[in-house]
C-alpha atoms as a PDB file:
ATOM      1  CA  MET A   1      54.245  -6.030  -4.205  1.00  0.00           C
ATOM      2  CA  ILE A   2      55.829  -2.596  -3.625  1.00  0.00           C
ATOM      3  CA  TYR A   3      53.508   0.489  -3.602  1.00  0.00           C
ATOM      4  CA  LEU A   4      54.048   4.251  -3.522  1.00  0.00           C
ATOM      5  CA  ILE A   5      51.501   5.825  -1.194  1.00  0.00           C
ATOM      6  CA  ASP A   6      50.890   9.603  -1.586  1.00  0.00           C
ATOM      7  CA  THR A   7      48.600  11.183   0.870  1.00  0.00           C
ATOM      8  CA  LYS A   8      47.353  14.672   1.628  1.00  0.00           C
ATOM      9  CA  ILE A   9      46.038  15.259   5.166  1.00  0.00           C
ATOM     10  CA  ASP A  10      43.477  17.905   5.880  1.00  0.00           C
ATOM     11  CA  TYR A  11      44.758  19.078   9.269  1.00  0.00           C
ATOM     12  CA  ASN A  12      41.975  21.663   9.528  1.00  0.00           C
ATOM     13  CA  LEU A  13      39.468  18.832  10.036  1.00  0.00           C
ATOM     14  CA  LEU A  14      41.438  17.439  12.992  1.00  0.00           C
ATOM     15  CA  GLN A  15      40.404  20.399  15.236  1.00  0.00           C
ATOM     16  CA  GLY A  16      42.627  19.555  18.143  1.00  0.00           C
ATOM     17  CA  LYS A  17      42.656  15.728  17.700  1.00  0.00           C
ATOM     18  CA  LEU A  18      46.227  15.564  16.373  1.00  0.00           C
ATOM     19  CA  ASP A  19      47.764  15.100  19.739  1.00  0.00           C
ATOM     20  CA  ASP A  20      45.748  12.001  20.323  1.00  0.00           C
ATOM     21  CA  LEU A  21      45.893  10.543  16.767  1.00  0.00           C
ATOM     22  CA  LEU A  22      49.550  11.168  15.919  1.00  0.00           C
ATOM     23  CA  PRO A  23      50.955   8.720  18.545  1.00  0.00           C
ATOM     24  CA  GLN A  24      48.428   6.116  17.317  1.00  0.00           C
ATOM     25  CA  GLU A  25      49.556   6.769  13.730  1.00  0.00           C
ATOM     26  CA  TRP A  26      53.243   6.375  14.677  1.00  0.00           C
ATOM     27  CA  GLN A  27      52.510   3.238  16.598  1.00  0.00           C
ATOM     28  CA  GLN A  28      50.845   1.745  13.511  1.00  0.00           C
ATOM     29  CA  THR A  29      53.731   2.841  11.167  1.00  0.00           C
ATOM     30  CA  SER A  30      56.262   1.406  13.627  1.00  0.00           C
ATOM     31  CA  LYS A  31      54.528  -2.026  13.512  1.00  0.00           C
ATOM     32  CA  MET A  32      54.465  -1.865   9.720  1.00  0.00           C
ATOM     33  CA  PHE A  33      58.188  -1.038   9.676  1.00  0.00           C
ATOM     34  CA  GLU A  34      59.173  -3.802  12.000  1.00  0.00           C
ATOM     35  CA  SER A  35      57.161  -6.254   9.963  1.00  0.00           C
ATOM     36  CA  GLY A  36      58.655  -5.121   6.725  1.00  0.00           C
ATOM     37  CA  GLN A  37      55.543  -3.594   5.257  1.00  0.00           C
ATOM     38  CA  LEU A  38      56.811   0.027   5.562  1.00  0.00           C
ATOM     39  CA  LEU A  39      60.077   0.402   3.522  1.00  0.00           C
ATOM     40  CA  GLY A  40      60.307   4.169   3.704  1.00  0.00           C
ATOM     41  CA  ILE A  41      58.334   7.275   4.648  1.00  0.00           C
ATOM     42  CA  TRP A  42      58.840  11.008   4.116  1.00  0.00           C
ATOM     43  CA  ARG A  43      56.994  14.144   5.119  1.00  0.00           C
ATOM     44  CA  LYS A  44      56.135  16.575   2.400  1.00  0.00           C
ATOM     45  CA  ALA A  45      57.941  19.854   2.637  1.00  0.00           C
ATOM     46  CA  SER A  46      54.498  21.543   2.218  1.00  0.00           C
ATOM     47  CA  ALA A  47      53.612  19.867   5.590  1.00  0.00           C
ATOM     48  CA  ASN A  48      50.317  18.559   4.110  1.00  0.00           C
ATOM     49  CA  GLY A  49      50.880  14.839   3.978  1.00  0.00           C
ATOM     50  CA  VAL A  50      53.280  11.995   3.540  1.00  0.00           C
ATOM     51  CA  ILE A  51      54.820   9.826   0.831  1.00  0.00           C
ATOM     52  CA  ALA A  52      55.649   6.206   1.765  1.00  0.00           C
ATOM     53  CA  ILE A  53      56.692   3.004   0.170  1.00  0.00           C
ATOM     54  CA  TRP A  54      54.796  -0.024   1.336  1.00  0.00           C
ATOM     55  CA  ASN A  55      55.439  -3.715   0.825  1.00  0.00           C
ATOM     56  CA  MET A  56      52.004  -5.364   0.810  1.00  0.00           C
ATOM     57  CA  ALA A  57      50.701  -8.681  -0.508  1.00  0.00           C
ATOM     58  CA  ASP A  58      48.160  -7.255  -2.856  1.00  0.00           C
ATOM     59  CA  HIS A  59      45.678  -4.310  -3.672  1.00  0.00           C
ATOM     60  CA  GLU A  60      43.162  -5.580  -1.026  1.00  0.00           C
ATOM     61  CA  ALA A  61      45.913  -5.566   1.674  1.00  0.00           C
ATOM     62  CA  ILE A  62      46.749  -2.021   0.742  1.00  0.00           C
ATOM     63  CA  ASN A  63      43.194  -0.838   0.957  1.00  0.00           C
ATOM     64  CA  ALA A  64      42.654  -2.503   4.361  1.00  0.00           C
ATOM     65  CA  GLN A  65      45.874  -0.919   5.719  1.00  0.00           C
ATOM     66  CA  ILE A  66      45.040   2.527   4.487  1.00  0.00           C
ATOM     67  CA  ARG A  67      41.673   2.352   6.175  1.00  0.00           C
ATOM     68  CA  ALA A  68      43.244   1.049   9.407  1.00  0.00           C
ATOM     69  CA  MET A  69      45.463   4.071   9.694  1.00  0.00           C
ATOM     70  CA  PRO A  70      44.215   6.459  12.554  1.00  0.00           C
ATOM     71  CA  LEU A  71      44.612   9.477  10.360  1.00  0.00           C
ATOM     72  CA  TYR A  72      42.683   7.923   7.418  1.00  0.00           C
ATOM     73  CA  PRO A  73      39.407   9.886   8.024  1.00  0.00           C
ATOM     74  CA  TYR A  74      41.370  13.092   7.639  1.00  0.00           C
ATOM     75  CA  MET A  75      43.103  12.251   4.357  1.00  0.00           C
ATOM     76  CA  SER A  76      41.744  14.421   1.719  1.00  0.00           C
ATOM     77  CA  SER A  77      43.600  12.622  -1.089  1.00  0.00           C
ATOM     78  CA  ILE A  78      45.223   9.109  -1.348  1.00  0.00           C
ATOM     79  CA  GLU A  79      47.147   8.034  -4.454  1.00  0.00           C
ATOM     80  CA  VAL A  80      48.340   4.375  -4.558  1.00  0.00           C
ATOM     81  CA  THR A  81      50.725   3.469  -7.394  1.00  0.00           C
ATOM     82  CA  PRO A  82      52.058  -0.141  -7.767  1.00  0.00           C
ATOM     83  CA  LEU A  83      55.726  -0.237  -8.548  1.00  0.00           C
ATOM     84  CA  VAL A  84      57.772  -2.654 -10.610  1.00  0.00           C
ATOM     85  CA  ALA A  85      61.470  -3.142 -10.691  1.00  0.00           C
ATOM     86  CA  HIS A  86      63.527  -0.976 -13.059  1.00  0.00           C
ATOM     87  CA  PRO A  87      65.744  -3.263 -15.194  1.00  0.00           C
ATOM     88  CA  LYS A  88      68.931  -1.374 -14.195  1.00  0.00           C
ATOM     89  CA  TYR A  89      68.144  -1.281 -10.466  1.00  0.00           C
ATOM     90  CA  PRO A  90      65.905  -4.215  -9.493  1.00  0.00           C
ATOM     91  CA  GLU A  91      67.143  -4.191  -6.066  1.00  0.00           C
ATOM     92  CA  PHE A  92      65.020  -1.065  -5.247  1.00  0.00           C
ATOM     93  CA  CYS A  93      61.848  -3.147  -5.591  1.00  0.00           C
ATOM     94  CA  GLU A  94      63.143  -6.072  -3.451  1.00  0.00           C
ATOM     95  CA  ALA A  95      61.649  -6.066   0.099  1.00  0.00           C
ATOM     96  CA  LYS A  96      64.212  -6.040   2.845  1.00  0.00           C
ATOM     97  CA  ALA A  97      64.171  -8.118   5.988  1.00  0.00           C
ATOM     98  CA  PRO A  98      62.235  -6.539   8.882  1.00  0.00           C
ATOM     99  CA  GLN A  99      64.221  -3.984  10.853  1.00  0.00           C
ATOM    100  CA  ALA A 100      63.581  -5.002  14.444  1.00  0.00           C
ATOM    101  CA  ASN A 101      66.417  -2.926  15.856  1.00  0.00           C
ATOM    102  CA  LEU A 102      65.446   0.325  14.229  1.00  0.00           C
ATOM    103  CA  ARG A 103      62.791   2.586  15.780  1.00  0.00           C
ATOM    104  CA  ILE A 104      60.486   5.070  14.219  1.00  0.00           C
ATOM    105  CA  PRO A 105      59.496   7.618  16.862  1.00  0.00           C
END
């Protein structure tokens, strides 16, 4: 199932840990992208979080993956919205094959 993930990150709580946690977060998202679980990700212009589209088996898988993210303890808000296909554009809810050749820094 496709999910919209909207997070807010409280960077004030990180207190100098960002340099250690960010590479771990990027490594985790790279694995998700390569496996086809991460379909897209965007930073918010306000610089206080991200919005992502995930392809996960079910709600339990979403909950487990969110809690596995290195920045999870610093997320002050997490909204998860299951998405269904629009009748005019059903292809937007179809998971794509894993993108092994693309790299997320």
